[in-house]
């Protein structure tokens, strides 16, 4: 059997090293000079920056190389939160002058300074964040606050996954969260103290997850789609495999996105399907399939009743809701779009240059709701406005909930 050092360089650098956790990659680099060179390859670390941190690296050429830049990103990532806070869901220190019922301006969450947060998602009343070591943090409330009083208090802390589990992707429903670990296994929970492993997901590793209001969704490496019931302690978890209509031999599922009670399935050739979580009914949205160009780079995002498709090749956004099977709005952006983030009534556009633009999903939106979006301006004639942070930052990901938002940002001088 060949040793790792005897394998072809392209096999090691393109197929094996990208699969390793960062800490394992660093350890492997200490074993011999040959692997030290391969594990420190700048292209590898640029790839890991893109994949691990969801950071669009196009146009960025850091003078110190991508390995050092990766370390700086982990060391200096900042969590900002804003929006509803009457139940203390934002996790802002009670002594903070902005610890109000509503926080208008994005505010640093000091509890995550130095923790190396690289992903963030928002639920109905909570946030979950992933750090570079594969640990998951949660703050806010997993369940709605009891209006009559009781024990429903905002909490903050690490999700109690087994110590040997490293998570690489997160998604959040209204009152539950779902995570994908490095081995392609799925975990879910409705409180941070009792995460559960999801079984009966076939033999192929899971490669993507998403969440609806009460369900979790998993996509396997072989293209199988599974709907997972809500996580209830000491109850049977139901898993249903959903048959997707036969795709062309050169087509495959590239992305899934969860709405309230439906899943969107986007294929490489630009076909879009909607799957009901209630009756498992599969419907192709032909008004989208007929206009999407499979030769273009496409992505889909969904939340609550709305979803958006980005044609990255044309830099165009297509927006609609689940009651319509056709596009409601289409518009081109002046700046290159990295990704779309949707909340209940608001949306964000993350641009390649690290700006977070926000706007309302409501046609008749009033200026009263706009401050919750962290905008610099409240002129409803402007479709989008940049989020106003306390210093010049590069925003690389965000999570929007019902009436609360968060983003991750980096000092621009890192690049």
Protein backbone atom coordinates (compact mmCIF):
# COMPACT_ATOMS: atom_id res chain seq x y z
CA UNK A 1 0.00 0.00 0.00
CA UNK A 2 1.30 3.45 -0.94
CA UNK A 3 2.04 5.91 1.82
CA UNK A 4 0.60 9.41 1.70
CA UNK A 5 3.94 10.80 0.53
CA UNK A 6 4.03 8.35 -2.39
CA UNK A 7 0.67 9.40 -3.83
CA UNK A 8 0.51 11.78 -6.77
CA UNK A 9 0.66 15.39 -5.61
CA UNK A 10 -2.60 16.39 -7.30
CA UNK A 11 -4.46 13.54 -5.57
CA UNK A 12 -3.19 14.67 -2.17
CA UNK A 13 -3.75 18.40 -2.67
CA UNK A 14 -7.03 18.30 -4.59
CA UNK A 15 -8.82 15.31 -3.07
CA UNK A 16 -7.40 14.42 0.35
CA UNK A 17 -6.14 17.54 2.12
CA UNK A 18 -9.35 19.56 1.50
CA UNK A 19 -11.23 16.92 3.52
CA UNK A 20 -9.17 17.34 6.68
CA UNK A 21 -10.17 19.50 9.61
CA UNK A 22 -7.93 22.53 9.98
CA UNK A 23 -6.34 21.25 13.20
CA UNK A 24 -5.55 17.92 11.51
CA UNK A 25 -4.10 19.74 8.52
CA UNK A 26 -1.77 21.73 10.77
CA UNK A 27 -0.70 18.55 12.59
CA UNK A 28 -0.05 16.69 9.34
CA UNK A 29 2.21 19.51 8.18
CA UNK A 30 4.62 18.72 11.04
CA UNK A 31 5.22 15.09 10.01
CA UNK A 32 7.71 15.60 7.16
CA UNK A 33 9.07 18.24 4.81
CA UNK A 34 7.09 16.99 1.80
CA UNK A 35 3.74 17.19 3.60
CA UNK A 36 4.75 20.49 5.17
CA UNK A 37 5.01 21.98 1.68
CA UNK A 38 1.73 20.47 0.51
CA UNK A 39 -0.21 21.43 3.66
CA UNK A 40 0.98 25.03 3.40
CA UNK A 41 0.12 25.45 -0.27
CA UNK A 42 -1.50 28.86 -0.78
CA UNK A 43 -4.14 27.49 -3.16
CA UNK A 44 -5.23 24.96 -0.55
CA UNK A 45 -5.67 27.64 2.11
CA UNK A 46 -7.52 29.90 -0.29
CA UNK A 47 -9.89 27.01 -1.02
CA UNK A 48 -10.35 26.35 2.71
CA UNK A 49 -11.06 30.03 3.31
CA UNK A 50 -13.79 29.91 0.69
CA UNK A 51 -15.34 26.63 1.84
CA UNK A 52 -14.93 26.88 5.62
CA UNK A 53 -15.71 30.56 6.04
CA UNK A 54 -18.15 31.14 3.15
CA UNK A 55 -15.87 33.99 2.12
CA UNK A 56 -15.76 34.95 -1.54
CA UNK A 57 -12.03 35.32 -2.17
CA UNK A 58 -12.26 36.63 -5.73
CA UNK A 59 -10.36 39.88 -6.03
CA UNK A 60 -8.65 39.40 -2.66
CA UNK A 61 -4.88 38.95 -2.67
CA UNK A 62 -3.58 39.21 0.91
CA UNK A 63 0.09 40.07 1.09
CA UNK A 64 0.81 37.48 3.80
CA UNK A 65 -0.76 34.54 1.98
CA UNK A 66 -3.98 32.66 2.64
CA UNK A 67 -2.81 30.54 5.57
CA UNK A 68 -1.97 33.60 7.64
CA UNK A 69 -5.13 35.30 6.43
CA UNK A 70 -7.19 32.28 7.50
CA UNK A 71 -5.68 32.53 10.99
CA UNK A 72 -6.42 36.25 11.16
CA UNK A 73 -10.01 35.71 10.10
CA UNK A 74 -10.50 33.14 12.85
CA UNK A 75 -8.83 35.37 15.44
CA UNK A 76 -10.60 38.59 14.51
CA UNK A 77 -14.13 37.66 13.40
CA UNK A 78 -16.75 39.85 15.10
CA UNK A 79 -20.40 38.99 15.78
CA UNK A 80 -22.89 41.85 15.41
CA UNK A 81 -26.55 41.58 16.49
CA UNK A 82 -29.58 43.84 16.20
CA UNK A 83 -33.39 43.78 16.16
CA UNK A 84 -35.97 42.67 18.74
CA UNK A 85 -34.56 42.22 22.23
CA UNK A 86 -37.52 42.37 24.65
CA UNK A 87 -36.76 38.77 25.66
CA UNK A 88 -32.96 39.33 25.70
CA UNK A 89 -32.54 37.08 22.66
CA UNK A 90 -29.64 39.16 21.32
CA UNK A 91 -27.44 38.19 24.25
CA UNK A 92 -26.22 41.73 24.84
CA UNK A 93 -24.78 42.41 28.30
CA UNK A 94 -27.40 43.88 30.66
CA UNK A 95 -24.91 46.61 31.52
CA UNK A 96 -24.67 47.63 27.89
CA UNK A 97 -26.31 50.96 27.17
CA UNK A 98 -28.02 49.41 24.14
CA UNK A 99 -29.69 46.58 26.05
CA UNK A 100 -33.16 47.76 25.09
CA UNK A 101 -36.32 46.06 23.84
CA UNK A 102 -35.19 46.92 20.31
CA UNK A 103 -31.60 47.40 19.22
CA UNK A 104 -31.56 49.59 16.14
CA UNK A 105 -27.83 49.71 15.43
CA UNK A 106 -25.78 46.52 14.90
CA UNK A 107 -23.93 45.96 18.17
CA UNK A 108 -20.89 43.80 18.89
CA UNK A 109 -21.62 40.65 20.87
CA UNK A 110 -18.70 40.76 23.27
CA UNK A 111 -19.27 37.19 24.45
CA UNK A 112 -17.83 35.81 21.20
CA UNK A 113 -14.67 37.86 20.97
CA UNK A 114 -11.76 35.52 20.22
CA UNK A 115 -13.91 32.40 19.82
CA UNK A 116 -13.28 32.11 16.07
CA UNK A 117 -16.90 32.16 14.91
CA UNK A 118 -17.18 31.27 11.21
CA UNK A 119 -20.90 30.57 10.62
CA UNK A 120 -24.10 32.02 12.07
CA UNK A 121 -27.81 31.21 11.64
CA UNK A 122 -30.96 32.63 13.22
CA UNK A 123 -34.08 30.83 14.44
CA UNK A 124 -37.42 32.10 15.68
CA UNK A 125 -36.00 33.64 18.87
CA UNK A 126 -32.41 32.44 18.89
CA UNK A 127 -29.05 32.30 17.16
CA UNK A 128 -26.60 29.45 16.60
CA UNK A 129 -22.96 29.95 15.68
CA UNK A 130 -20.19 27.59 14.59
CA UNK A 131 -16.58 28.13 15.56
CA UNK A 132 -13.49 27.00 13.66
CA UNK A 133 -13.02 24.01 15.99
CA UNK A 134 -16.40 22.59 14.99
CA UNK A 135 -18.19 23.55 18.20
CA UNK A 136 -21.71 25.03 18.17
CA UNK A 137 -22.84 27.95 20.34
CA UNK A 138 -26.41 29.02 20.99
CA UNK A 139 -27.97 32.10 22.55
CA UNK A 140 -31.51 33.43 22.91
CA UNK A 141 -34.56 31.22 23.34
CA UNK A 142 -35.23 27.98 21.47
CA UNK A 143 -38.93 28.21 22.37
CA UNK A 144 -41.19 31.29 22.47
CA UNK A 145 -41.33 33.14 25.75
CA UNK A 146 -44.33 32.31 27.92
CA UNK A 147 -46.45 35.51 28.04
CA UNK A 148 -47.85 34.45 31.44
CA UNK A 149 -44.37 34.15 32.95
CA UNK A 150 -42.55 31.00 33.90
CA UNK A 151 -39.05 29.68 33.29
CA UNK A 152 -38.57 30.75 29.68
CA UNK A 153 -35.37 32.79 29.97
CA UNK A 154 -32.80 33.62 27.35
CA UNK A 155 -29.76 31.38 27.60
CA UNK A 156 -26.29 31.32 26.13
CA UNK A 157 -23.69 28.61 25.87
CA UNK A 158 -22.25 25.72 23.94
CA UNK A 159 -24.46 22.99 22.46
CA UNK A 160 -23.68 19.76 24.32
CA UNK A 161 -22.61 17.56 21.42
CA UNK A 162 -20.23 14.66 22.11
CA UNK A 163 -16.69 15.97 22.57
CA UNK A 164 -15.35 14.04 19.56
CA UNK A 165 -17.90 15.54 17.14
CA UNK A 166 -16.88 18.38 14.85
CA UNK A 167 -19.67 20.22 13.09
CA UNK A 168 -19.14 21.79 9.66
CA UNK A 169 -22.59 23.17 8.76
CA UNK A 170 -25.62 24.58 10.60
CA UNK A 171 -29.25 25.36 9.84
CA UNK A 172 -32.08 26.58 12.03
CA UNK A 173 -35.83 26.16 12.01
CA UNK A 174 -38.23 28.17 14.14
CA UNK A 175 -37.55 26.33 17.40
CA UNK A 176 -34.96 23.70 16.51
CA UNK A 177 -31.55 23.48 14.90
CA UNK A 178 -29.80 20.91 12.73
CA UNK A 179 -26.09 20.31 12.14
CA UNK A 180 -23.89 18.28 9.80
CA UNK A 181 -20.69 16.80 11.19
CA UNK A 182 -17.42 16.00 9.43
CA UNK A 183 -18.40 12.37 8.94
CA UNK A 184 -21.59 13.24 7.06
CA UNK A 185 -23.89 12.53 10.02
CA UNK A 186 -26.80 14.73 11.05
CA UNK A 187 -27.62 16.00 14.55
CA UNK A 188 -30.63 18.01 15.64
CA UNK A 189 -32.04 19.49 18.85
CA UNK A 190 -34.77 21.66 20.35
CA UNK A 191 -32.63 22.61 23.36
CA UNK A 192 -28.87 22.96 23.54
CA UNK A 193 -28.43 20.38 26.30
CA UNK A 194 -29.80 17.37 24.42
CA UNK A 195 -28.74 17.15 20.75
CA UNK A 196 -29.68 13.88 19.07
CA UNK A 197 -28.09 11.88 16.24
CA UNK A 198 -30.45 11.30 13.31
CA UNK A 199 -30.45 7.70 12.11
CA UNK A 200 -31.94 5.91 9.10
CA UNK A 201 -30.46 8.30 6.54
CA UNK A 202 -29.17 5.60 4.22
CA UNK A 203 -25.57 4.56 3.68
CA UNK A 204 -24.23 7.55 1.73
CA UNK A 205 -22.84 10.50 3.71
CA UNK A 206 -25.00 13.59 3.98
CA UNK A 207 -23.56 16.59 2.13
CA UNK A 208 -26.16 19.33 2.70
CA UNK A 209 -28.73 20.24 5.34
CA UNK A 210 -31.45 22.84 5.66
CA UNK A 211 -34.41 23.46 7.95
CA UNK A 212 -38.09 24.30 7.66
CA UNK A 213 -40.24 25.52 10.55
CA UNK A 214 -40.66 22.09 12.15
CA UNK A 215 -38.61 19.76 9.92
CA UNK A 216 -34.98 19.23 8.99
CA UNK A 217 -33.87 18.26 5.50
CA UNK A 218 -30.80 16.28 4.46
CA UNK A 219 -29.29 15.65 1.02
CA UNK A 220 -26.95 12.69 0.55
CA UNK A 221 -23.91 12.38 -1.70
CA UNK A 222 -25.95 10.09 -3.96
CA UNK A 223 -28.74 12.67 -4.39
CA UNK A 224 -31.22 11.16 -1.93
CA UNK A 225 -33.43 13.66 -0.09
CA UNK A 226 -34.69 13.04 3.46
CA UNK A 227 -37.28 14.87 5.56
CA UNK A 228 -36.63 14.57 9.32
CA UNK A 229 -39.31 15.18 11.94
CA UNK A 230 -39.02 17.70 14.78
CA UNK A 231 -36.59 16.67 17.54
CA UNK A 232 -38.51 15.65 20.66
CA UNK A 233 -36.61 14.04 23.53
CA UNK A 234 -37.48 10.37 24.14
CA UNK A 235 -39.69 10.26 21.04
CA UNK A 236 -39.27 8.39 17.78
CA UNK A 237 -37.72 10.48 15.02
CA UNK A 238 -39.42 9.89 11.68
CA UNK A 239 -37.34 10.03 8.50
CA UNK A 240 -38.95 9.99 5.06
CA UNK A 241 -37.04 9.66 1.81
CA UNK A 242 -38.49 11.88 -0.91
CA UNK A 243 -38.36 10.63 -4.50
CA UNK A 244 -37.32 13.45 -6.82
CA UNK A 245 -38.52 13.10 -10.43
CA UNK A 246 -35.94 11.43 -12.63
CA UNK A 247 -33.26 13.90 -13.63
CA UNK A 248 -31.30 13.84 -16.86
CA UNK A 249 -28.13 11.75 -16.70
CA UNK A 250 -26.01 14.91 -16.68
CA UNK A 251 -28.12 16.69 -14.05
CA UNK A 252 -27.87 16.58 -10.26
CA UNK A 253 -29.15 18.39 -7.19
CA UNK A 254 -26.80 21.22 -6.24
CA UNK A 255 -28.68 22.99 -3.45
CA UNK A 256 -31.65 22.69 -1.10
CA UNK A 257 -33.39 25.43 0.89
CA UNK A 258 -36.13 25.25 3.52
CA UNK A 259 -39.28 27.38 3.79
CA UNK A 260 -42.09 27.14 6.34
CA UNK A 261 -43.63 23.94 5.00
CA UNK A 262 -41.76 23.27 1.78
CA UNK A 263 -38.29 22.52 0.45
CA UNK A 264 -36.78 24.01 -2.68
CA UNK A 265 -34.52 21.77 -4.74
CA UNK A 266 -32.24 23.36 -7.34
CA UNK A 267 -30.45 21.26 -9.96
CA UNK A 268 -27.28 21.89 -11.94
CA UNK A 269 -29.27 22.36 -15.16
CA UNK A 270 -31.43 25.07 -13.61
CA UNK A 271 -34.54 23.05 -12.73
CA UNK A 272 -36.38 24.07 -9.55
CA UNK A 273 -38.64 21.76 -7.54
CA UNK A 274 -40.83 22.44 -4.52
CA UNK A 275 -41.41 19.58 -2.06
CA UNK A 276 -44.17 19.84 0.55
CA UNK A 277 -43.16 18.69 4.04
CA UNK A 278 -46.78 17.84 4.82
CA UNK A 279 -47.78 15.58 1.97
CA UNK A 280 -44.31 14.99 0.45
CA UNK A 281 -45.75 16.25 -2.84
CA UNK A 282 -43.11 17.14 -5.44
CA UNK A 283 -43.81 19.87 -7.99
CA UNK A 284 -41.50 21.38 -10.58
CA UNK A 285 -41.78 25.18 -10.72
CA UNK A 286 -41.73 25.43 -14.48
CA UNK A 287 -41.90 29.23 -14.54
CA UNK A 288 -38.48 29.14 -12.89
CA UNK A 289 -37.08 26.10 -14.66
CA UNK A 290 -37.89 27.73 -18.00
CA UNK A 291 -35.99 30.94 -17.28
CA UNK A 292 -33.01 29.65 -15.28
CA UNK A 293 -29.90 29.03 -17.33
CA UNK A 294 -28.18 25.82 -16.32
CA UNK A 295 -24.93 27.13 -17.78
CA UNK A 296 -24.94 29.93 -15.21
CA UNK A 297 -23.85 29.79 -11.58
CA UNK A 298 -27.07 29.65 -9.54
CA UNK A 299 -27.96 29.58 -5.85
CA UNK A 300 -31.23 29.51 -3.90
CA UNK A 301 -32.12 30.90 -0.47
CA UNK A 302 -35.39 30.56 1.43
CA UNK A 303 -37.00 31.57 4.71
CA UNK A 304 -40.58 31.62 6.00
CA UNK A 305 -42.80 32.31 2.95
CA UNK A 306 -40.18 33.81 0.63
CA UNK A 307 -37.35 32.54 -1.51
CA UNK A 308 -34.74 34.08 -3.76
CA UNK A 309 -32.60 32.77 -6.59
CA UNK A 310 -29.35 34.44 -7.54
CA UNK A 311 -27.98 34.15 -11.05
CA UNK A 312 -24.37 34.96 -10.21
CA UNK A 313 -23.37 34.98 -13.87
CA UNK A 314 -25.78 37.82 -14.68
CA UNK A 315 -25.68 39.25 -11.12
CA UNK A 316 -29.47 39.05 -11.01
CA UNK A 317 -31.85 38.33 -8.10
CA UNK A 318 -35.24 36.66 -8.58
CA UNK A 319 -37.59 37.00 -5.62
CA UNK A 320 -40.99 35.43 -4.88
CA UNK A 321 -43.00 33.66 -2.17
CA UNK A 322 -44.37 30.17 -1.69
CA UNK A 323 -47.92 31.08 -2.70
CA UNK A 324 -46.73 31.90 -6.22
CA UNK A 325 -45.16 29.53 -8.68
CA UNK A 326 -43.66 32.34 -10.70
CA UNK A 327 -41.15 35.17 -10.17
CA UNK A 328 -42.60 38.30 -8.55
CA UNK A 329 -39.54 40.55 -8.73
CA UNK A 330 -36.37 40.43 -10.80
CA UNK A 331 -33.59 42.96 -10.53
CA UNK A 332 -29.91 43.35 -11.28
CA UNK A 333 -27.43 44.56 -8.67
CA UNK A 334 -24.74 47.16 -9.29
CA UNK A 335 -22.25 45.25 -7.12
CA UNK A 336 -21.40 41.55 -7.37
CA UNK A 337 -23.62 39.38 -5.16
CA UNK A 338 -22.09 36.74 -2.90
CA UNK A 339 -25.28 35.44 -1.27
CA UNK A 340 -28.80 36.35 -0.18
CA UNK A 341 -30.06 36.17 3.41
CA UNK A 342 -33.80 36.16 4.10
CA UNK A 343 -35.70 36.91 7.30
CA UNK A 344 -39.43 36.91 7.95
CA UNK A 345 -40.03 40.38 6.53
CA UNK A 346 -36.58 41.55 5.49
CA UNK A 347 -33.72 40.45 3.31
CA UNK A 348 -30.00 41.03 3.05
CA UNK A 349 -27.64 41.00 0.10
CA UNK A 350 -24.04 40.10 0.89
CA UNK A 351 -21.79 41.50 -1.80
CA UNK A 352 -18.45 40.15 -2.91
CA UNK A 353 -16.73 43.28 -1.60
CA UNK A 354 -17.96 42.59 1.95
CA UNK A 355 -20.95 44.94 2.19
CA UNK A 356 -24.27 43.85 3.72
CA UNK A 357 -27.20 45.56 2.02
CA UNK A 358 -30.65 45.26 3.60
CA UNK A 359 -34.18 45.93 2.49
CA UNK A 360 -37.77 45.00 3.26
CA UNK A 361 -39.69 42.12 1.73
CA UNK A 362 -42.94 44.06 2.24
CA UNK A 363 -44.19 46.09 -0.70
CA UNK A 364 -45.91 48.59 1.63
CA UNK A 365 -43.13 48.70 4.21
CA UNK A 366 -43.03 51.80 6.36
CA UNK A 367 -39.99 53.47 7.82
CA UNK A 368 -41.05 52.19 11.24
CA UNK A 369 -39.63 48.73 10.54
CA UNK A 370 -36.53 49.82 8.71
CA UNK A 371 -34.39 50.64 11.77
CA UNK A 372 -34.63 46.97 12.74
CA UNK A 373 -32.68 46.18 9.62
CA UNK A 374 -29.62 48.13 10.72
CA UNK A 375 -29.84 50.47 7.76
CA UNK A 376 -28.02 53.75 7.35
CA UNK A 377 -31.05 55.31 5.65
CA UNK A 378 -34.82 55.01 6.06
CA UNK A 379 -35.84 56.30 2.65
CA UNK A 380 -38.29 53.72 1.29
CA UNK A 381 -37.44 54.82 -2.24
CA UNK A 382 -34.11 53.05 -1.83
CA UNK A 383 -34.36 49.34 -2.50
CA UNK A 384 -31.31 48.53 -0.36
CA UNK A 385 -28.98 50.35 1.99
CA UNK A 386 -25.72 49.31 3.59
CA UNK A 387 -25.72 48.12 7.18
CA UNK A 388 -24.06 50.68 9.42
CA UNK A 389 -21.34 49.06 11.55
CA UNK A 390 -19.26 50.87 14.16
CA UNK A 391 -16.09 50.69 12.08
CA UNK A 392 -15.01 49.75 8.56
CA UNK A 393 -15.62 46.00 8.30
CA UNK A 394 -15.86 43.24 5.69
CA UNK A 395 -19.11 41.31 6.27
CA UNK A 396 -18.80 37.70 5.12
CA UNK A 397 -21.94 35.98 6.39
CA UNK A 398 -25.21 36.78 8.17
CA UNK A 399 -28.28 35.18 9.72
CA UNK A 400 -31.76 36.75 9.74
CA UNK A 401 -34.62 35.53 11.94
CA UNK A 402 -38.17 36.69 12.43
CA UNK A 403 -37.36 40.11 13.86
CA UNK A 404 -33.68 39.81 14.72
CA UNK A 405 -30.47 39.69 12.74
CA UNK A 406 -26.77 38.97 13.08
CA UNK A 407 -23.72 39.14 10.89
CA UNK A 408 -20.06 38.15 11.00
CA UNK A 409 -17.51 40.72 9.96
CA UNK A 410 -13.76 41.21 9.72
CA UNK A 411 -11.52 44.27 9.91
CA UNK A 412 -10.78 45.24 6.32
CA UNK A 413 -7.09 45.67 7.05
CA UNK A 414 -6.81 41.86 7.26
CA UNK A 415 -6.73 41.88 3.47
